[in-house]
C-alpha atoms as a PDB file:
ATOM      1  CA  MET A   1      37.572 -33.021 -50.020  1.00  0.00           C
ATOM      2  CA  SER A   2      35.269 -30.783 -52.021  1.00  0.00           C
ATOM      3  CA  ALA A   3      35.802 -27.034 -52.216  1.00  0.00           C
ATOM      4  CA  SER A   4      32.505 -26.300 -50.470  1.00  0.00           C
ATOM      5  CA  VAL A   5      33.395 -28.557 -47.523  1.00  0.00           C
ATOM      6  CA  LEU A   6      36.775 -26.845 -47.225  1.00  0.00           C
ATOM      7  CA  ALA A   7      35.109 -23.446 -47.372  1.00  0.00           C
ATOM      8  CA  LEU A   8      32.622 -24.515 -44.670  1.00  0.00           C
ATOM      9  CA  LEU A   9      35.470 -25.818 -42.501  1.00  0.00           C
ATOM     10  CA  ALA A  10      37.428 -22.578 -43.006  1.00  0.00           C
ATOM     11  CA  ALA A  11      34.425 -20.402 -42.187  1.00  0.00           C
ATOM     12  CA  THR A  12      33.652 -22.448 -39.073  1.00  0.00           C
ATOM     13  CA  ALA A  13      37.266 -22.124 -37.933  1.00  0.00           C
ATOM     14  CA  GLY A  14      37.101 -18.383 -38.608  1.00  0.00           C
ATOM     15  CA  VAL A  15      33.964 -17.899 -36.523  1.00  0.00           C
ATOM     16  CA  PHE A  16      35.430 -19.964 -33.690  1.00  0.00           C
ATOM     17  CA  THR A  17      38.751 -18.086 -33.756  1.00  0.00           C
ATOM     18  CA  ALA A  18      36.997 -14.705 -33.855  1.00  0.00           C
ATOM     19  CA  LEU A  19      34.908 -15.700 -30.820  1.00  0.00           C
ATOM     20  CA  VAL A  20      37.957 -16.881 -28.869  1.00  0.00           C
ATOM     21  CA  PHE A  21      39.792 -13.612 -29.527  1.00  0.00           C
ATOM     22  CA  ALA A  22      36.719 -11.418 -28.975  1.00  0.00           C
ATOM     23  CA  ARG A  23      36.223 -12.965 -25.552  1.00  0.00           C
ATOM     24  CA  ALA A  24      39.928 -12.700 -24.719  1.00  0.00           C
ATOM     25  CA  ALA A  25      40.114  -9.044 -25.799  1.00  0.00           C
ATOM     26  CA  TRP A  26      36.948  -8.228 -23.855  1.00  0.00           C
ATOM     27  CA  HIS A  27      38.314  -9.924 -20.749  1.00  0.00           C
ATOM     28  CA  LYS A  28      41.609  -8.041 -20.969  1.00  0.00           C
ATOM     29  CA  ALA A  29      40.081  -4.660 -21.781  1.00  0.00           C
ATOM     30  CA  SER A  30      37.283  -4.869 -19.204  1.00  0.00           C
ATOM     31  CA  ASP A  31      39.785  -5.372 -16.365  1.00  0.00           C
ATOM     32  CA  PHE A  32      42.878  -3.818 -17.862  1.00  0.00           C
ATOM     33  CA  THR A  33      44.557  -3.297 -14.486  1.00  0.00           C
ATOM     34  CA  ALA A  34      44.371  -7.013 -13.705  1.00  0.00           C
ATOM     35  CA  PHE A  35      45.621  -7.828 -17.200  1.00  0.00           C
ATOM     36  CA  THR A  36      48.656  -5.571 -16.816  1.00  0.00           C
ATOM     37  CA  GLY A  37      49.328  -7.472 -13.588  1.00  0.00           C
ATOM     38  CA  PHE A  38      49.308 -10.759 -15.503  1.00  0.00           C
ATOM     39  CA  VAL A  39      51.690  -9.333 -18.118  1.00  0.00           C
ATOM     40  CA  SER A  40      53.963  -8.093 -15.348  1.00  0.00           C
ATOM     41  CA  ASP A  41      53.886 -11.505 -13.618  1.00  0.00           C
ATOM     42  CA  TYR A  42      55.434 -13.133 -16.682  1.00  0.00           C
ATOM     43  CA  GLN A  43      58.569 -11.003 -16.135  1.00  0.00           C
ATOM     44  CA  LEU A  44      59.333 -10.863 -19.865  1.00  0.00           C
ATOM     45  CA  VAL A  45      58.805  -7.137 -20.392  1.00  0.00           C
ATOM     46  CA  PRO A  46      60.550  -4.359 -18.443  1.00  0.00           C
ATOM     47  CA  GLU A  47      58.148  -2.959 -15.843  1.00  0.00           C
ATOM     48  CA  SER A  48      58.216   0.419 -17.592  1.00  0.00           C
ATOM     49  CA  GLN A  49      56.858  -1.233 -20.772  1.00  0.00           C
ATOM     50  CA  VAL A  50      54.163  -3.456 -19.251  1.00  0.00           C
ATOM     51  CA  LYS A  51      51.296  -1.040 -19.892  1.00  0.00           C
ATOM     52  CA  ALA A  52      52.326  -0.409 -23.512  1.00  0.00           C
ATOM     53  CA  ALA A  53      52.793  -4.142 -24.143  1.00  0.00           C
ATOM     54  CA  SER A  54      49.378  -4.811 -22.609  1.00  0.00           C
ATOM     55  CA  TYR A  55      47.721  -2.227 -24.863  1.00  0.00           C
ATOM     56  CA  GLY A  56      49.497  -3.786 -27.826  1.00  0.00           C
ATOM     57  CA  LEU A  57      48.243  -7.267 -26.998  1.00  0.00           C
ATOM     58  CA  VAL A  58      44.644  -6.098 -26.619  1.00  0.00           C
ATOM     59  CA  ALA A  59      44.895  -4.161 -29.893  1.00  0.00           C
ATOM     60  CA  ALA A  60      46.334  -7.220 -31.671  1.00  0.00           C
ATOM     61  CA  GLU A  61      43.490  -9.403 -30.403  1.00  0.00           C
ATOM     62  CA  ILE A  62      40.915  -6.867 -31.600  1.00  0.00           C
ATOM     63  CA  ALA A  63      42.723  -6.773 -34.957  1.00  0.00           C
ATOM     64  CA  VAL A  64      42.352 -10.566 -35.238  1.00  0.00           C
ATOM     65  CA  VAL A  65      38.598 -10.305 -34.720  1.00  0.00           C
ATOM     66  CA  LEU A  66      38.179  -7.431 -37.182  1.00  0.00           C
ATOM     67  CA  ALA A  67      40.324  -9.091 -39.848  1.00  0.00           C
ATOM     68  CA  LEU A  68      38.389 -12.350 -39.542  1.00  0.00           C
ATOM     69  CA  LEU A  69      35.102 -10.474 -39.964  1.00  0.00           C
ATOM     70  CA  VAL A  70      36.124  -8.325 -42.935  1.00  0.00           C
ATOM     71  CA  PRO A  71      35.680 -10.040 -46.301  1.00  0.00           C
ATOM     72  CA  GLY A  72      39.101 -10.850 -47.691  1.00  0.00           C
ATOM     73  CA  GLY A  73      40.836 -10.327 -44.346  1.00  0.00           C
ATOM     74  CA  GLN A  74      40.547 -13.879 -43.066  1.00  0.00           C
ATOM     75  CA  GLY A  75      44.053 -14.907 -44.111  1.00  0.00           C
ATOM     76  CA  ILE A  76      45.645 -11.965 -42.317  1.00  0.00           C
ATOM     77  CA  GLY A  77      43.426 -12.546 -39.278  1.00  0.00           C
ATOM     78  CA  ALA A  78      44.384 -16.223 -39.168  1.00  0.00           C
ATOM     79  CA  LEU A  79      48.103 -15.440 -39.464  1.00  0.00           C
ATOM     80  CA  LEU A  80      47.894 -12.856 -36.685  1.00  0.00           C
ATOM     81  CA  ALA A  81      45.954 -15.333 -34.522  1.00  0.00           C
ATOM     82  CA  ILE A  82      48.605 -18.005 -35.065  1.00  0.00           C
ATOM     83  CA  ALA A  83      51.354 -15.509 -34.232  1.00  0.00           C
ATOM     84  CA  LEU A  84      49.598 -14.491 -31.007  1.00  0.00           C
ATOM     85  CA  TYR A  85      49.032 -18.106 -29.972  1.00  0.00           C
ATOM     86  CA  ALA A  86      52.735 -18.770 -30.583  1.00  0.00           C
ATOM     87  CA  LEU A  87      53.750 -15.646 -28.644  1.00  0.00           C
ATOM     88  CA  TYR A  88      51.534 -16.592 -25.715  1.00  0.00           C
ATOM     89  CA  ALA A  89      52.727 -20.205 -25.744  1.00  0.00           C
ATOM     90  CA  GLY A  90      56.335 -19.034 -25.865  1.00  0.00           C
ATOM     91  CA  ALA A  91      55.815 -16.734 -22.880  1.00  0.00           C
ATOM     92  CA  MET A  92      54.157 -19.577 -20.978  1.00  0.00           C
ATOM     93  CA  ALA A  93      56.914 -22.045 -21.916  1.00  0.00           C
ATOM     94  CA  VAL A  94      59.666 -19.682 -20.725  1.00  0.00           C
ATOM     95  CA  ASN A  95      57.974 -19.329 -17.345  1.00  0.00           C
ATOM     96  CA  ILE A  96      57.189 -23.045 -17.039  1.00  0.00           C
ATOM     97  CA  ARG A  97      60.862 -23.744 -17.746  1.00  0.00           C
ATOM     98  CA  ARG A  98      61.785 -21.212 -15.040  1.00  0.00           C
ATOM     99  CA  GLY A  99      59.550 -23.161 -12.647  1.00  0.00           C
ATOM    100  CA  ARG A 100      57.125 -20.240 -12.409  1.00  0.00           C
ATOM    101  CA  THR A 101      53.845 -22.137 -12.802  1.00  0.00           C
ATOM    102  CA  SER A 102      51.842 -20.253 -10.172  1.00  0.00           C
ATOM    103  CA  ILE A 103      51.168 -17.463 -12.695  1.00  0.00           C
ATOM    104  CA  GLU A 104      47.598 -17.029 -13.946  1.00  0.00           C
ATOM    105  CA  CYS A 105      47.737 -17.261 -17.726  1.00  0.00           C
ATOM    106  CA  GLY A 106      45.689 -14.088 -18.262  1.00  0.00           C
ATOM    107  CA  CYS A 107      44.000 -15.674 -21.268  1.00  0.00           C
ATOM    108  CA  GLY A 108      40.489 -14.615 -20.346  1.00  0.00           C
ATOM    109  CA  GLY A 109      37.702 -16.591 -18.809  1.00  0.00           C
ATOM    110  CA  ALA A 110      38.273 -19.320 -16.274  1.00  0.00           C
ATOM    111  CA  PRO A 111      41.506 -18.778 -14.329  1.00  0.00           C
ATOM    112  CA  ASN A 112      44.244 -21.197 -15.291  1.00  0.00           C
ATOM    113  CA  LEU A 113      47.759 -21.425 -13.935  1.00  0.00           C
ATOM    114  CA  LEU A 114      50.578 -22.042 -16.383  1.00  0.00           C
ATOM    115  CA  SER A 115      50.925 -25.686 -17.341  1.00  0.00           C
ATOM    116  CA  PRO A 116      51.925 -27.839 -20.299  1.00  0.00           C
ATOM    117  CA  ALA A 117      48.193 -28.356 -20.945  1.00  0.00           C
ATOM    118  CA  LEU A 118      47.914 -24.660 -21.855  1.00  0.00           C
ATOM    119  CA  LEU A 119      50.753 -25.064 -24.344  1.00  0.00           C
ATOM    120  CA  VAL A 120      48.878 -27.939 -25.983  1.00  0.00           C
ATOM    121  CA  ARG A 121      45.685 -25.874 -25.958  1.00  0.00           C
ATOM    122  CA  ASN A 122      47.431 -23.005 -27.744  1.00  0.00           C
ATOM    123  CA  GLY A 123      48.840 -25.423 -30.322  1.00  0.00           C
ATOM    124  CA  VAL A 124      45.374 -26.794 -31.032  1.00  0.00           C
ATOM    125  CA  LEU A 125      43.929 -23.278 -31.259  1.00  0.00           C
ATOM    126  CA  ALA A 126      46.692 -22.274 -33.686  1.00  0.00           C
ATOM    127  CA  ALA A 127      45.921 -25.339 -35.828  1.00  0.00           C
ATOM    128  CA  VAL A 128      42.237 -24.377 -35.905  1.00  0.00           C
ATOM    129  CA  ALA A 129      43.187 -20.834 -36.934  1.00  0.00           C
ATOM    130  CA  ALA A 130      45.327 -22.306 -39.722  1.00  0.00           C
ATOM    131  CA  LEU A 131      42.213 -24.046 -41.074  1.00  0.00           C
ATOM    132  CA  VAL A 132      40.838 -20.593 -41.918  1.00  0.00           C
ATOM    133  CA  MET A 133      43.385 -20.368 -44.732  1.00  0.00           C
ATOM    134  CA  LEU A 134      42.590 -23.852 -46.009  1.00  0.00           C
ATOM    135  CA  GLY A 135      39.348 -22.952 -47.690  1.00  0.00           C
ATOM    136  CA  GLY A 136      39.855 -19.295 -48.477  1.00  0.00           C
ATOM    137  CA  GLY A 137      38.254 -18.189 -45.220  1.00  0.00           C
ATOM    138  CA  GLY A 138      34.873 -19.486 -46.323  1.00  0.00           C
ATOM    139  CA  ALA A 139      34.565 -17.444 -49.507  1.00  0.00           C
ATOM    140  CA  GLY A 140      31.802 -18.511 -51.859  1.00  0.00           C
ATOM    141  CA  LEU A 141      29.457 -20.020 -49.293  1.00  0.00           C
ATOM    142  CA  SER A 142      25.733 -19.673 -49.802  1.00  0.00           C
ATOM    143  CA  PHE A 143      23.688 -17.933 -47.111  1.00  0.00           C
ATOM    144  CA  GLY A 144      22.603 -21.306 -45.712  1.00  0.00           C
ATOM    145  CA  GLU A 145      26.150 -22.649 -45.646  1.00  0.00           C
ATOM    146  CA  ALA A 146      27.366 -19.478 -43.954  1.00  0.00           C
ATOM    147  CA  ALA A 147      24.631 -19.843 -41.327  1.00  0.00           C
ATOM    148  CA  VAL A 148      25.752 -23.427 -40.692  1.00  0.00           C
ATOM    149  CA  ALA A 149      29.367 -22.247 -40.343  1.00  0.00           C
ATOM    150  CA  VAL A 150      28.317 -19.610 -37.805  1.00  0.00           C
ATOM    151  CA  ALA A 151      26.288 -22.161 -35.829  1.00  0.00           C
ATOM    152  CA  LEU A 152      29.149 -24.673 -35.886  1.00  0.00           C
ATOM    153  CA  GLY A 153      31.633 -21.968 -34.860  1.00  0.00           C
ATOM    154  CA  PHE A 154      29.469 -21.092 -31.854  1.00  0.00           C
ATOM    155  CA  LEU A 155      29.080 -24.782 -30.989  1.00  0.00           C
ATOM    156  CA  LEU A 156      32.854 -25.309 -31.070  1.00  0.00           C
ATOM    157  CA  TRP A 157      33.304 -22.202 -28.950  1.00  0.00           C
ATOM    158  CA  ALA A 158      30.841 -23.520 -26.357  1.00  0.00           C
ATOM    159  CA  GLY A 159      32.819 -26.778 -26.259  1.00  0.00           C
ATOM    160  CA  PHE A 160      36.026 -24.777 -25.847  1.00  0.00           C
ATOM    161  CA  LEU A 161      34.553 -22.831 -22.924  1.00  0.00           C
ATOM    162  CA  LEU A 162      33.531 -26.102 -21.302  1.00  0.00           C
ATOM    163  CA  ALA A 163      36.997 -27.625 -21.780  1.00  0.00           C
ATOM    164  CA  GLU A 164      38.618 -24.479 -20.408  1.00  0.00           C
ATOM    165  CA  GLN A 165      36.431 -24.624 -17.305  1.00  0.00           C
ATOM    166  CA  ILE A 166      37.289 -28.303 -16.828  1.00  0.00           C
ATOM    167  CA  LEU A 167      41.007 -27.429 -16.962  1.00  0.00           C
ATOM    168  CA  SER A 168      40.464 -24.667 -14.410  1.00  0.00           C
ATOM    169  CA  ASN A 169      38.505 -26.977 -12.104  1.00  0.00           C
ATOM    170  CA  ALA A 170      41.201 -29.653 -12.350  1.00  0.00           C
ATOM    171  CA  MET A 171      43.817 -27.053 -11.406  1.00  0.00           C
ATOM    172  CA  ARG A 172      41.781 -26.012  -8.363  1.00  0.00           C
ATOM    173  CA  ALA A 173      41.208 -29.644  -7.341  1.00  0.00           C
ATOM    174  CA  ARG A 174      44.964 -30.335  -7.470  1.00  0.00           C
ATOM    175  CA  ALA A 175      45.585 -27.290  -5.278  1.00  0.00           C
ATOM    176  CA  LEU A 176      43.081 -28.528  -2.668  1.00  0.00           C
ATOM    177  CA  ARG A 177      44.477 -32.066  -2.397  1.00  0.00           C
ATOM    178  CA  PRO A 178      46.221 -32.804   0.864  1.00  0.00           C
ATOM    179  CA  ARG A 179      49.902 -33.468   0.443  1.00  0.00           C
END
């Protein structure tokens, strides 16, 4: 694969990842009280530390976005994104294993209860974030190539939002089925 294709792929992945984390951080910060409730529901942090942990998570998500947007920061942003996806997946997995699947994930956007599908989603998102490092974060792209990467990143993000809504709708449909 040519260097310019790898750079385009990396830049597209960077735009997509920045959009995912920008939306998640906005969702958490705009209704911080609800978000602290989600963090508390996971029962992984002592109640006295829930607010501090919640602030830390929002700050880390904002750091991902900023690092991905700053020239030369894409590698750090991608690594932090992967770490957050792993942290979130781990927290979900612990609660799924405990049988506590009626918890809203708190990811932002369409409400989703904990499920193995969310673990797969986080794995895919982490793999996309890893692509940022593949091509140097998109360094060396021409203006036109960068514009294509931005457009493709937004297109992927729109597809992600659609898939997330489909997952949420499927969850609601399962809950409404007569038993």
